[in-house]
Amino acid sequence: MMHICATMRTLEKRSLSAAIVLLLWVAGAGSSRAASIPVPNGSFESQSGTGQPFGANVLLDSWQKPPNPGYPENDTFRWIQSAGAFLATSPNSPNPYSNLLGTQAGFMLSLPGAGLFQDDQTRDWSGAQNGLNAVYQVGLSYQLTLGLFGKGMVENYSSMQLSLYYRDGANRITIGAPTTITFNTTTFNPAGPFALVDYSVSIPIVEASDAWAGKNIGIRIDSVLGTGDGYWDMDNVRLVSTVPEPGSLALGVVGLGGWLYRRTRSRLA
């Protein structure tokens, strides 16, 4: 009988130790399961603005621009000029950004219809298909982040959107609600200091029944309201997939550990 009791106590101690180890593993897993998905030309370093007028280049690798929705073009304005990249470091820029990634930033006019997007089917200025090639995986959530600064736009009116999408046939379908950013001089102080402000859009865990499960990921940056005055500067486009922290499992292990601890103490008392 004494041998059986000793064996039970040993098993309970081992069960308690195993529960604690599992609990520690679960707790650590939640903070280490995020993975970065490279976004082609996510820092707008190509094509280079070196040698171009005002250091700006309207030809962007990997990014496609929406078609002109009907704005008249003339000798002073072409739709291709609605977005591009520019040299954003001193002395090329009079107000360089303190948190710039690389030497260039992207720009987009505050003009409804202007924008940039990319996925595995998009074509850039050269006709090349070298955009984002990744898919929405079941069990993962996704977050898209962009560094942004607005200049010279209409206060509390001019706005842009950041969104994730997938293609259904020939269409681009937005997933969930886009993140809308509205220009204001409190956030984007024209007097500086000039630092890009991060904005993000997220989608929840992809379920097997979701229409976008297994489809290619698409990212969009769109000007939605504006008069054509001013522009958005942007840099450091980041896309991250995350295995959500298994909170329910952690709680279950905590409960198991507490039960075993109480049971062991009562047996050993």
C-alpha atoms as a PDB file:
ATOM      1  CA  MET A   1       0.000   0.000   0.000  1.00  0.00           C
ATOM      2  CA  MET A   2       2.806   2.372   0.890  1.00  0.00           C
ATOM      3  CA  HIS A   3       4.486   1.511  -2.425  1.00  0.00           C
ATOM      4  CA  ILE A   4       1.301   2.361  -4.371  1.00  0.00           C
ATOM      5  CA  CYS A   5       0.922   5.710  -2.572  1.00  0.00           C
ATOM      6  CA  ALA A   6       4.545   6.572  -3.287  1.00  0.00           C
ATOM      7  CA  THR A   7       4.068   5.704  -6.961  1.00  0.00           C
ATOM      8  CA  MET A   8       0.938   7.905  -7.154  1.00  0.00           C
ATOM      9  CA  ARG A   9       2.788  10.789  -5.569  1.00  0.00           C
ATOM     10  CA  THR A  10       5.619  10.407  -8.086  1.00  0.00           C
ATOM     11  CA  LEU A  11       3.193  10.343 -11.017  1.00  0.00           C
ATOM     12  CA  GLU A  12       1.356  13.426  -9.749  1.00  0.00           C
ATOM     13  CA  LYS A  13       4.626  15.308  -9.311  1.00  0.00           C
ATOM     14  CA  ARG A  14       5.628  14.389 -12.856  1.00  0.00           C
ATOM     15  CA  SER A  15       2.206  15.429 -14.183  1.00  0.00           C
ATOM     16  CA  LEU A  16       2.547  18.756 -12.403  1.00  0.00           C
ATOM     17  CA  SER A  17       6.016  19.277 -13.862  1.00  0.00           C
ATOM     18  CA  ALA A  18       4.767  18.388 -17.355  1.00  0.00           C
ATOM     19  CA  ALA A  19       1.861  20.833 -17.022  1.00  0.00           C
ATOM     20  CA  ILE A  20       4.218  23.609 -15.959  1.00  0.00           C
ATOM     21  CA  VAL A  21       6.561  22.903 -18.866  1.00  0.00           C
ATOM     22  CA  LEU A  22       3.612  22.926 -21.272  1.00  0.00           C
ATOM     23  CA  LEU A  23       2.351  26.173 -19.763  1.00  0.00           C
ATOM     24  CA  LEU A  24       5.740  27.827 -20.226  1.00  0.00           C
ATOM     25  CA  TRP A  25       5.916  26.606 -23.829  1.00  0.00           C
ATOM     26  CA  VAL A  26       2.448  27.949 -24.604  1.00  0.00           C
ATOM     27  CA  ALA A  27       3.214  31.292 -22.989  1.00  0.00           C
ATOM     28  CA  GLY A  28       6.380  31.617 -25.044  1.00  0.00           C
ATOM     29  CA  ALA A  29       4.776  30.506 -28.295  1.00  0.00           C
ATOM     30  CA  GLY A  30       2.425  33.465 -28.440  1.00  0.00           C
ATOM     31  CA  SER A  31       5.269  35.966 -28.635  1.00  0.00           C
ATOM     32  CA  SER A  32       7.408  34.189 -31.220  1.00  0.00           C
ATOM     33  CA  ARG A  33       5.058  33.076 -33.994  1.00  0.00           C
ATOM     34  CA  ALA A  34       4.919  36.248 -36.115  1.00  0.00           C
ATOM     35  CA  ALA A  35       6.558  36.033 -39.550  1.00  0.00           C
ATOM     36  CA  SER A  36       7.447  38.827 -41.936  1.00  0.00           C
ATOM     37  CA  ILE A  37       6.327  38.475 -45.565  1.00  0.00           C
ATOM     38  CA  PRO A  38       8.653  40.445 -47.882  1.00  0.00           C
ATOM     39  CA  VAL A  39       6.869  43.117 -49.916  1.00  0.00           C
ATOM     40  CA  PRO A  40       8.659  43.759 -53.221  1.00  0.00           C
ATOM     41  CA  ASN A  41       9.919  47.357 -53.382  1.00  0.00           C
ATOM     42  CA  GLY A  42       8.221  47.996 -50.035  1.00  0.00           C
ATOM     43  CA  SER A  43      10.588  50.915 -49.358  1.00  0.00           C
ATOM     44  CA  PHE A  44      10.139  52.489 -52.812  1.00  0.00           C
ATOM     45  CA  GLU A  45      13.860  52.360 -53.571  1.00  0.00           C
ATOM     46  CA  SER A  46      13.308  51.406 -57.217  1.00  0.00           C
ATOM     47  CA  GLN A  47      13.206  53.114 -59.658  1.00  0.00           C
ATOM     48  CA  SER A  48      15.728  55.692 -58.445  1.00  0.00           C
ATOM     49  CA  GLY A  49      14.973  59.396 -58.373  1.00  0.00           C
ATOM     50  CA  THR A  50      18.634  60.281 -58.904  1.00  0.00           C
ATOM     51  CA  GLY A  51      18.986  62.589 -61.895  1.00  0.00           C
ATOM     52  CA  GLN A  52      15.218  63.017 -62.268  1.00  0.00           C
ATOM     53  CA  PRO A  53      13.431  66.410 -61.998  1.00  0.00           C
ATOM     54  CA  PHE A  54      12.990  67.238 -58.288  1.00  0.00           C
ATOM     55  CA  GLY A  55      14.570  63.871 -57.503  1.00  0.00           C
ATOM     56  CA  ALA A  56      11.245  62.121 -58.244  1.00  0.00           C
ATOM     57  CA  ASN A  57      10.627  59.094 -60.430  1.00  0.00           C
ATOM     58  CA  VAL A  58       7.099  58.173 -61.522  1.00  0.00           C
ATOM     59  CA  LEU A  59       8.184  54.674 -62.590  1.00  0.00           C
ATOM     60  CA  LEU A  60       7.812  52.206 -59.719  1.00  0.00           C
ATOM     61  CA  ASP A  61       8.957  48.608 -59.796  1.00  0.00           C
ATOM     62  CA  SER A  62       6.536  45.940 -58.504  1.00  0.00           C
ATOM     63  CA  TRP A  63       3.629  48.378 -57.975  1.00  0.00           C
ATOM     64  CA  GLN A  64       0.739  48.898 -60.398  1.00  0.00           C
ATOM     65  CA  LYS A  65      -1.298  52.107 -60.600  1.00  0.00           C
ATOM     66  CA  PRO A  66      -5.075  52.158 -61.152  1.00  0.00           C
ATOM     67  CA  PRO A  67      -6.183  53.462 -64.559  1.00  0.00           C
ATOM     68  CA  ASN A  68      -7.050  57.137 -64.972  1.00  0.00           C
ATOM     69  CA  PRO A  69     -10.708  57.468 -63.867  1.00  0.00           C
ATOM     70  CA  GLY A  70     -11.245  60.352 -66.289  1.00  0.00           C
ATOM     71  CA  TYR A  71      -9.009  63.269 -65.334  1.00  0.00           C
ATOM     72  CA  PRO A  72      -7.920  65.395 -68.325  1.00  0.00           C
ATOM     73  CA  GLU A  73      -4.239  65.072 -69.180  1.00  0.00           C
ATOM     74  CA  ASN A  74      -2.140  67.810 -70.717  1.00  0.00           C
ATOM     75  CA  ASP A  75       1.434  69.062 -70.977  1.00  0.00           C
ATOM     76  CA  THR A  76       1.580  69.798 -67.231  1.00  0.00           C
ATOM     77  CA  PHE A  77      -0.155  66.696 -65.883  1.00  0.00           C
ATOM     78  CA  ARG A  78      -0.109  63.046 -66.851  1.00  0.00           C
ATOM     79  CA  TRP A  79      -1.856  60.325 -64.857  1.00  0.00           C
ATOM     80  CA  ILE A  80       1.403  58.427 -64.520  1.00  0.00           C
ATOM     81  CA  GLN A  81       2.520  61.303 -62.263  1.00  0.00           C
ATOM     82  CA  SER A  82      -0.177  60.479 -59.681  1.00  0.00           C
ATOM     83  CA  ALA A  83       2.278  58.310 -57.710  1.00  0.00           C
ATOM     84  CA  GLY A  84       5.968  57.555 -57.652  1.00  0.00           C
ATOM     85  CA  ALA A  85       9.137  57.644 -55.562  1.00  0.00           C
ATOM     86  CA  PHE A  86      11.486  60.457 -54.583  1.00  0.00           C
ATOM     87  CA  LEU A  87      14.830  61.039 -52.890  1.00  0.00           C
ATOM     88  CA  ALA A  88      13.904  61.817 -49.294  1.00  0.00           C
ATOM     89  CA  THR A  89      17.274  62.301 -47.637  1.00  0.00           C
ATOM     90  CA  SER A  90      19.296  65.449 -47.095  1.00  0.00           C
ATOM     91  CA  PRO A  91      20.341  67.431 -49.114  1.00  0.00           C
ATOM     92  CA  ASN A  92      17.848  66.185 -51.732  1.00  0.00           C
ATOM     93  CA  SER A  93      14.880  66.828 -49.429  1.00  0.00           C
ATOM     94  CA  PRO A  94      14.486  70.044 -47.398  1.00  0.00           C
ATOM     95  CA  ASN A  95      12.658  68.126 -44.655  1.00  0.00           C
ATOM     96  CA  PRO A  96      13.979  64.552 -44.595  1.00  0.00           C
ATOM     97  CA  TYR A  97      12.180  61.981 -42.460  1.00  0.00           C
ATOM     98  CA  SER A  98      13.978  60.841 -39.338  1.00  0.00           C
ATOM     99  CA  ASN A  99      12.699  57.259 -39.642  1.00  0.00           C
ATOM    100  CA  LEU A 100      13.095  56.749 -43.377  1.00  0.00           C
ATOM    101  CA  LEU A 101      14.006  53.227 -44.508  1.00  0.00           C
ATOM    102  CA  GLY A 102      16.657  53.532 -47.200  1.00  0.00           C
ATOM    103  CA  THR A 103      17.066  56.756 -49.146  1.00  0.00           C
ATOM    104  CA  GLN A 104      13.710  57.077 -50.911  1.00  0.00           C
ATOM    105  CA  ALA A 105      10.021  57.335 -50.048  1.00  0.00           C
ATOM    106  CA  GLY A 106       6.907  56.906 -52.137  1.00  0.00           C
ATOM    107  CA  PHE A 107       4.367  59.629 -52.885  1.00  0.00           C
ATOM    108  CA  MET A 108       0.705  59.676 -53.938  1.00  0.00           C
ATOM    109  CA  LEU A 109      -1.290  62.738 -54.946  1.00  0.00           C
ATOM    110  CA  SER A 110      -4.335  63.641 -52.879  1.00  0.00           C
ATOM    111  CA  LEU A 111      -6.526  62.920 -55.865  1.00  0.00           C
ATOM    112  CA  PRO A 112      -9.415  60.425 -55.736  1.00  0.00           C
ATOM    113  CA  GLY A 113      -8.535  57.378 -57.810  1.00  0.00           C
ATOM    114  CA  ALA A 114      -4.793  57.674 -57.358  1.00  0.00           C
ATOM    115  CA  GLY A 115      -3.178  54.675 -55.741  1.00  0.00           C
ATOM    116  CA  LEU A 116      -0.823  51.728 -55.793  1.00  0.00           C
ATOM    117  CA  PHE A 117      -1.493  48.014 -55.485  1.00  0.00           C
ATOM    118  CA  GLN A 118       0.292  44.722 -55.939  1.00  0.00           C
ATOM    119  CA  ASP A 119      -0.309  40.976 -55.971  1.00  0.00           C
ATOM    120  CA  ASP A 120       0.927  38.053 -58.043  1.00  0.00           C
ATOM    121  CA  GLN A 121      -0.910  39.277 -61.156  1.00  0.00           C
ATOM    122  CA  THR A 122      -0.121  42.996 -61.137  1.00  0.00           C
ATOM    123  CA  ARG A 123       2.163  44.555 -63.738  1.00  0.00           C
ATOM    124  CA  ASP A 124       4.421  47.503 -63.037  1.00  0.00           C
ATOM    125  CA  TRP A 125       5.451  50.293 -65.441  1.00  0.00           C
ATOM    126  CA  SER A 126       7.628  47.896 -67.462  1.00  0.00           C
ATOM    127  CA  GLY A 127       4.938  45.250 -67.818  1.00  0.00           C
ATOM    128  CA  ALA A 128       6.760  42.908 -65.440  1.00  0.00           C
ATOM    129  CA  GLN A 129       4.862  40.723 -62.977  1.00  0.00           C
ATOM    130  CA  ASN A 130       7.137  41.008 -59.959  1.00  0.00           C
ATOM    131  CA  GLY A 131       4.663  41.888 -57.220  1.00  0.00           C
ATOM    132  CA  LEU A 132       3.748  40.150 -53.984  1.00  0.00           C
ATOM    133  CA  ASN A 133       3.574  36.356 -54.305  1.00  0.00           C
ATOM    134  CA  ALA A 134       2.130  34.947 -51.075  1.00  0.00           C
ATOM    135  CA  VAL A 135      -1.186  33.348 -50.122  1.00  0.00           C
ATOM    136  CA  TYR A 136      -3.645  33.630 -47.236  1.00  0.00           C
ATOM    137  CA  GLN A 137      -2.971  30.539 -45.154  1.00  0.00           C
ATOM    138  CA  VAL A 138      -5.649  28.950 -43.002  1.00  0.00           C
ATOM    139  CA  GLY A 139      -4.969  29.482 -39.288  1.00  0.00           C
ATOM    140  CA  LEU A 140      -2.989  32.710 -39.726  1.00  0.00           C
ATOM    141  CA  SER A 141      -3.986  36.345 -39.280  1.00  0.00           C
ATOM    142  CA  TYR A 142      -2.409  39.182 -41.281  1.00  0.00           C
ATOM    143  CA  GLN A 143      -1.415  42.796 -40.685  1.00  0.00           C
ATOM    144  CA  LEU A 144      -0.324  45.375 -43.252  1.00  0.00           C
ATOM    145  CA  THR A 145       1.533  48.459 -41.986  1.00  0.00           C
ATOM    146  CA  LEU A 146       2.627  51.650 -43.756  1.00  0.00           C
ATOM    147  CA  GLY A 147       4.663  54.657 -42.614  1.00  0.00           C
ATOM    148  CA  LEU A 148       2.802  57.804 -43.705  1.00  0.00           C
ATOM    149  CA  PHE A 149       2.941  61.604 -43.683  1.00  0.00           C
ATOM    150  CA  GLY A 150       0.494  64.028 -45.314  1.00  0.00           C
ATOM    151  CA  LYS A 151       1.374  67.480 -46.658  1.00  0.00           C
ATOM    152  CA  GLY A 152      -0.574  70.439 -48.032  1.00  0.00           C
ATOM    153  CA  MET A 153      -4.017  68.836 -48.088  1.00  0.00           C
ATOM    154  CA  VAL A 154      -7.475  69.963 -46.990  1.00  0.00           C
ATOM    155  CA  GLU A 155      -7.818  69.730 -43.199  1.00  0.00           C
ATOM    156  CA  ASN A 156     -10.143  66.976 -41.938  1.00  0.00           C
ATOM    157  CA  TYR A 157     -11.220  66.119 -45.485  1.00  0.00           C
ATOM    158  CA  SER A 158      -8.460  64.685 -47.685  1.00  0.00           C
ATOM    159  CA  SER A 159      -8.108  60.989 -46.923  1.00  0.00           C
ATOM    160  CA  MET A 160      -6.592  57.723 -48.062  1.00  0.00           C
ATOM    161  CA  GLN A 161      -7.123  54.036 -47.335  1.00  0.00           C
ATOM    162  CA  LEU A 162      -4.967  51.035 -46.611  1.00  0.00           C
ATOM    163  CA  SER A 163      -6.430  47.602 -47.348  1.00  0.00           C
ATOM    164  CA  LEU A 164      -5.831  43.906 -47.982  1.00  0.00           C
ATOM    165  CA  TYR A 165      -7.596  42.106 -50.818  1.00  0.00           C
ATOM    166  CA  TYR A 166      -7.798  38.956 -52.902  1.00  0.00           C
ATOM    167  CA  ARG A 167      -8.842  38.287 -56.481  1.00  0.00           C
ATOM    168  CA  ASP A 168     -12.082  36.549 -57.361  1.00  0.00           C
ATOM    169  CA  GLY A 169     -11.723  35.938 -61.073  1.00  0.00           C
ATOM    170  CA  ALA A 170     -10.655  39.249 -62.569  1.00  0.00           C
ATOM    171  CA  ASN A 171     -11.820  41.369 -59.649  1.00  0.00           C
ATOM    172  CA  ARG A 172     -10.015  42.727 -56.604  1.00  0.00           C
ATOM    173  CA  ILE A 173     -12.159  42.199 -53.508  1.00  0.00           C
ATOM    174  CA  THR A 174     -11.311  43.972 -50.274  1.00  0.00           C
ATOM    175  CA  ILE A 175     -11.287  41.859 -47.113  1.00  0.00           C
ATOM    176  CA  GLY A 176     -12.996  43.486 -44.142  1.00  0.00           C
ATOM    177  CA  ALA A 177     -12.916  47.239 -43.537  1.00  0.00           C
ATOM    178  CA  PRO A 178      -9.984  49.292 -44.855  1.00  0.00           C
ATOM    179  CA  THR A 179      -8.122  51.601 -42.510  1.00  0.00           C
ATOM    180  CA  THR A 180      -8.954  55.206 -43.418  1.00  0.00           C
ATOM    181  CA  ILE A 181      -6.511  58.015 -42.616  1.00  0.00           C
ATOM    182  CA  THR A 182      -7.787  61.607 -42.769  1.00  0.00           C
ATOM    183  CA  PHE A 183      -5.372  64.498 -43.059  1.00  0.00           C
ATOM    184  CA  ASN A 184      -5.041  66.857 -40.098  1.00  0.00           C
ATOM    185  CA  THR A 185      -2.234  69.175 -39.073  1.00  0.00           C
ATOM    186  CA  THR A 186      -2.195  67.859 -35.511  1.00  0.00           C
ATOM    187  CA  THR A 187      -0.928  64.469 -36.661  1.00  0.00           C
ATOM    188  CA  PHE A 188       0.928  65.742 -39.727  1.00  0.00           C
ATOM    189  CA  ASN A 189       2.457  68.965 -38.418  1.00  0.00           C
ATOM    190  CA  PRO A 190       3.680  71.063 -41.384  1.00  0.00           C
ATOM    191  CA  ALA A 191       6.339  72.617 -39.144  1.00  0.00           C
ATOM    192  CA  GLY A 192       7.814  69.234 -38.247  1.00  0.00           C
ATOM    193  CA  PRO A 193       9.532  67.331 -36.863  1.00  0.00           C
ATOM    194  CA  PHE A 194       9.104  65.063 -39.835  1.00  0.00           C
ATOM    195  CA  ALA A 195       8.644  61.426 -38.909  1.00  0.00           C
ATOM    196  CA  LEU A 196       6.459  58.940 -40.761  1.00  0.00           C
ATOM    197  CA  VAL A 197       3.456  57.752 -38.734  1.00  0.00           C
ATOM    198  CA  ASP A 198       2.603  54.028 -38.808  1.00  0.00           C
ATOM    199  CA  TYR A 199      -0.907  52.940 -39.786  1.00  0.00           C
ATOM    200  CA  SER A 200      -2.084  49.336 -40.069  1.00  0.00           C
ATOM    201  CA  VAL A 201      -4.947  47.220 -41.310  1.00  0.00           C
ATOM    202  CA  SER A 202      -5.535  43.687 -40.041  1.00  0.00           C
ATOM    203  CA  ILE A 203      -7.687  40.710 -40.935  1.00  0.00           C
ATOM    204  CA  PRO A 204      -8.609  37.984 -38.432  1.00  0.00           C
ATOM    205  CA  ILE A 205      -7.640  34.336 -38.519  1.00  0.00           C
ATOM    206  CA  VAL A 206      -8.232  32.848 -41.967  1.00  0.00           C
ATOM    207  CA  GLU A 207     -10.809  30.058 -41.812  1.00  0.00           C
ATOM    208  CA  ALA A 208     -10.986  27.212 -44.308  1.00  0.00           C
ATOM    209  CA  SER A 209     -14.467  28.433 -45.306  1.00  0.00           C
ATOM    210  CA  ASP A 210     -13.278  31.971 -46.133  1.00  0.00           C
ATOM    211  CA  ALA A 211     -13.394  32.843 -49.829  1.00  0.00           C
ATOM    212  CA  TRP A 212      -9.816  34.167 -49.651  1.00  0.00           C
ATOM    213  CA  ALA A 213      -8.313  31.064 -48.018  1.00  0.00           C
ATOM    214  CA  GLY A 214      -5.477  29.874 -50.257  1.00  0.00           C
ATOM    215  CA  LYS A 215      -5.819  32.905 -52.552  1.00  0.00           C
ATOM    216  CA  ASN A 216      -2.943  35.264 -53.296  1.00  0.00           C
ATOM    217  CA  ILE A 217      -2.523  38.246 -50.967  1.00  0.00           C
ATOM    218  CA  GLY A 218      -3.094  41.706 -52.391  1.00  0.00           C
ATOM    219  CA  ILE A 219      -2.210  45.066 -50.819  1.00  0.00           C
ATOM    220  CA  ARG A 220      -3.700  48.448 -51.724  1.00  0.00           C
ATOM    221  CA  ILE A 221      -2.959  52.103 -50.975  1.00  0.00           C
ATOM    222  CA  ASP A 222      -5.707  54.402 -52.292  1.00  0.00           C
ATOM    223  CA  SER A 223      -6.467  58.121 -52.278  1.00  0.00           C
ATOM    224  CA  VAL A 224     -10.222  58.381 -51.670  1.00  0.00           C
ATOM    225  CA  LEU A 225     -10.939  62.052 -50.953  1.00  0.00           C
ATOM    226  CA  GLY A 226      -9.019  65.144 -52.003  1.00  0.00           C
ATOM    227  CA  THR A 227      -8.905  68.140 -54.281  1.00  0.00           C
ATOM    228  CA  GLY A 228      -5.583  67.392 -55.936  1.00  0.00           C
ATOM    229  CA  ASP A 229      -3.778  69.742 -53.569  1.00  0.00           C
ATOM    230  CA  GLY A 230      -1.008  68.164 -51.522  1.00  0.00           C
ATOM    231  CA  TYR A 231       0.184  64.587 -51.349  1.00  0.00           C
ATOM    232  CA  TRP A 232       0.874  61.601 -49.122  1.00  0.00           C
ATOM    233  CA  ASP A 233       4.458  60.527 -48.497  1.00  0.00           C
ATOM    234  CA  MET A 234       4.914  56.864 -47.548  1.00  0.00           C
ATOM    235  CA  ASP A 235       7.584  54.298 -46.804  1.00  0.00           C
ATOM    236  CA  ASN A 236       8.361  50.919 -45.250  1.00  0.00           C
ATOM    237  CA  VAL A 237       5.396  48.771 -46.312  1.00  0.00           C
ATOM    238  CA  ARG A 238       5.333  45.753 -43.979  1.00  0.00           C
ATOM    239  CA  LEU A 239       3.230  42.600 -44.108  1.00  0.00           C
ATOM    240  CA  VAL A 240       3.198  40.162 -41.191  1.00  0.00           C
ATOM    241  CA  SER A 241       1.427  36.842 -40.661  1.00  0.00           C
ATOM    242  CA  THR A 242       0.759  35.683 -37.117  1.00  0.00           C
ATOM    243  CA  VAL A 243      -0.231  32.450 -35.443  1.00  0.00           C
ATOM    244  CA  PRO A 244      -2.704  33.796 -32.838  1.00  0.00           C
ATOM    245  CA  GLU A 245      -1.717  33.266 -29.228  1.00  0.00           C
ATOM    246  CA  PRO A 246      -3.501  30.134 -27.970  1.00  0.00           C
ATOM    247  CA  GLY A 247      -5.105  31.839 -24.991  1.00  0.00           C
ATOM    248  CA  SER A 248      -7.719  29.167 -24.369  1.00  0.00           C
ATOM    249  CA  LEU A 249      -5.078  26.452 -24.315  1.00  0.00           C
ATOM    250  CA  ALA A 250      -2.966  28.486 -21.912  1.00  0.00           C
ATOM    251  CA  LEU A 251      -5.926  28.932 -19.579  1.00  0.00           C
ATOM    252  CA  GLY A 252      -6.597  25.222 -19.737  1.00  0.00           C
ATOM    253  CA  VAL A 253      -3.016  24.415 -18.793  1.00  0.00           C
ATOM    254  CA  VAL A 254      -3.154  26.917 -15.939  1.00  0.00           C
ATOM    255  CA  GLY A 255      -6.288  25.242 -14.652  1.00  0.00           C
ATOM    256  CA  LEU A 256      -4.721  21.806 -14.994  1.00  0.00           C
ATOM    257  CA  GLY A 257      -1.594  22.954 -13.193  1.00  0.00           C
ATOM    258  CA  GLY A 258      -3.610  24.432 -10.336  1.00  0.00           C
ATOM    259  CA  TRP A 259      -5.716  21.294  -9.986  1.00  0.00           C
ATOM    260  CA  LEU A 260      -2.687  19.021  -9.943  1.00  0.00           C
ATOM    261  CA  TYR A 261      -0.917  21.269  -7.460  1.00  0.00           C
ATOM    262  CA  ARG A 262      -3.878  21.248  -5.059  1.00  0.00           C
ATOM    263  CA  ARG A 263      -4.355  17.512  -5.518  1.00  0.00           C
ATOM    264  CA  THR A 264      -0.682  16.776  -4.869  1.00  0.00           C
ATOM    265  CA  ARG A 265      -0.563  18.915  -1.749  1.00  0.00           C
ATOM    266  CA  SER A 266      -3.632  17.244  -0.338  1.00  0.00           C
ATOM    267  CA  ARG A 267      -2.161  13.799  -1.005  1.00  0.00           C
ATOM    268  CA  LEU A 268       1.249  14.689   0.443  1.00  0.00           C
ATOM    269  CA  ALA A 269      -0.123  16.429   3.520  1.00  0.00           C
END
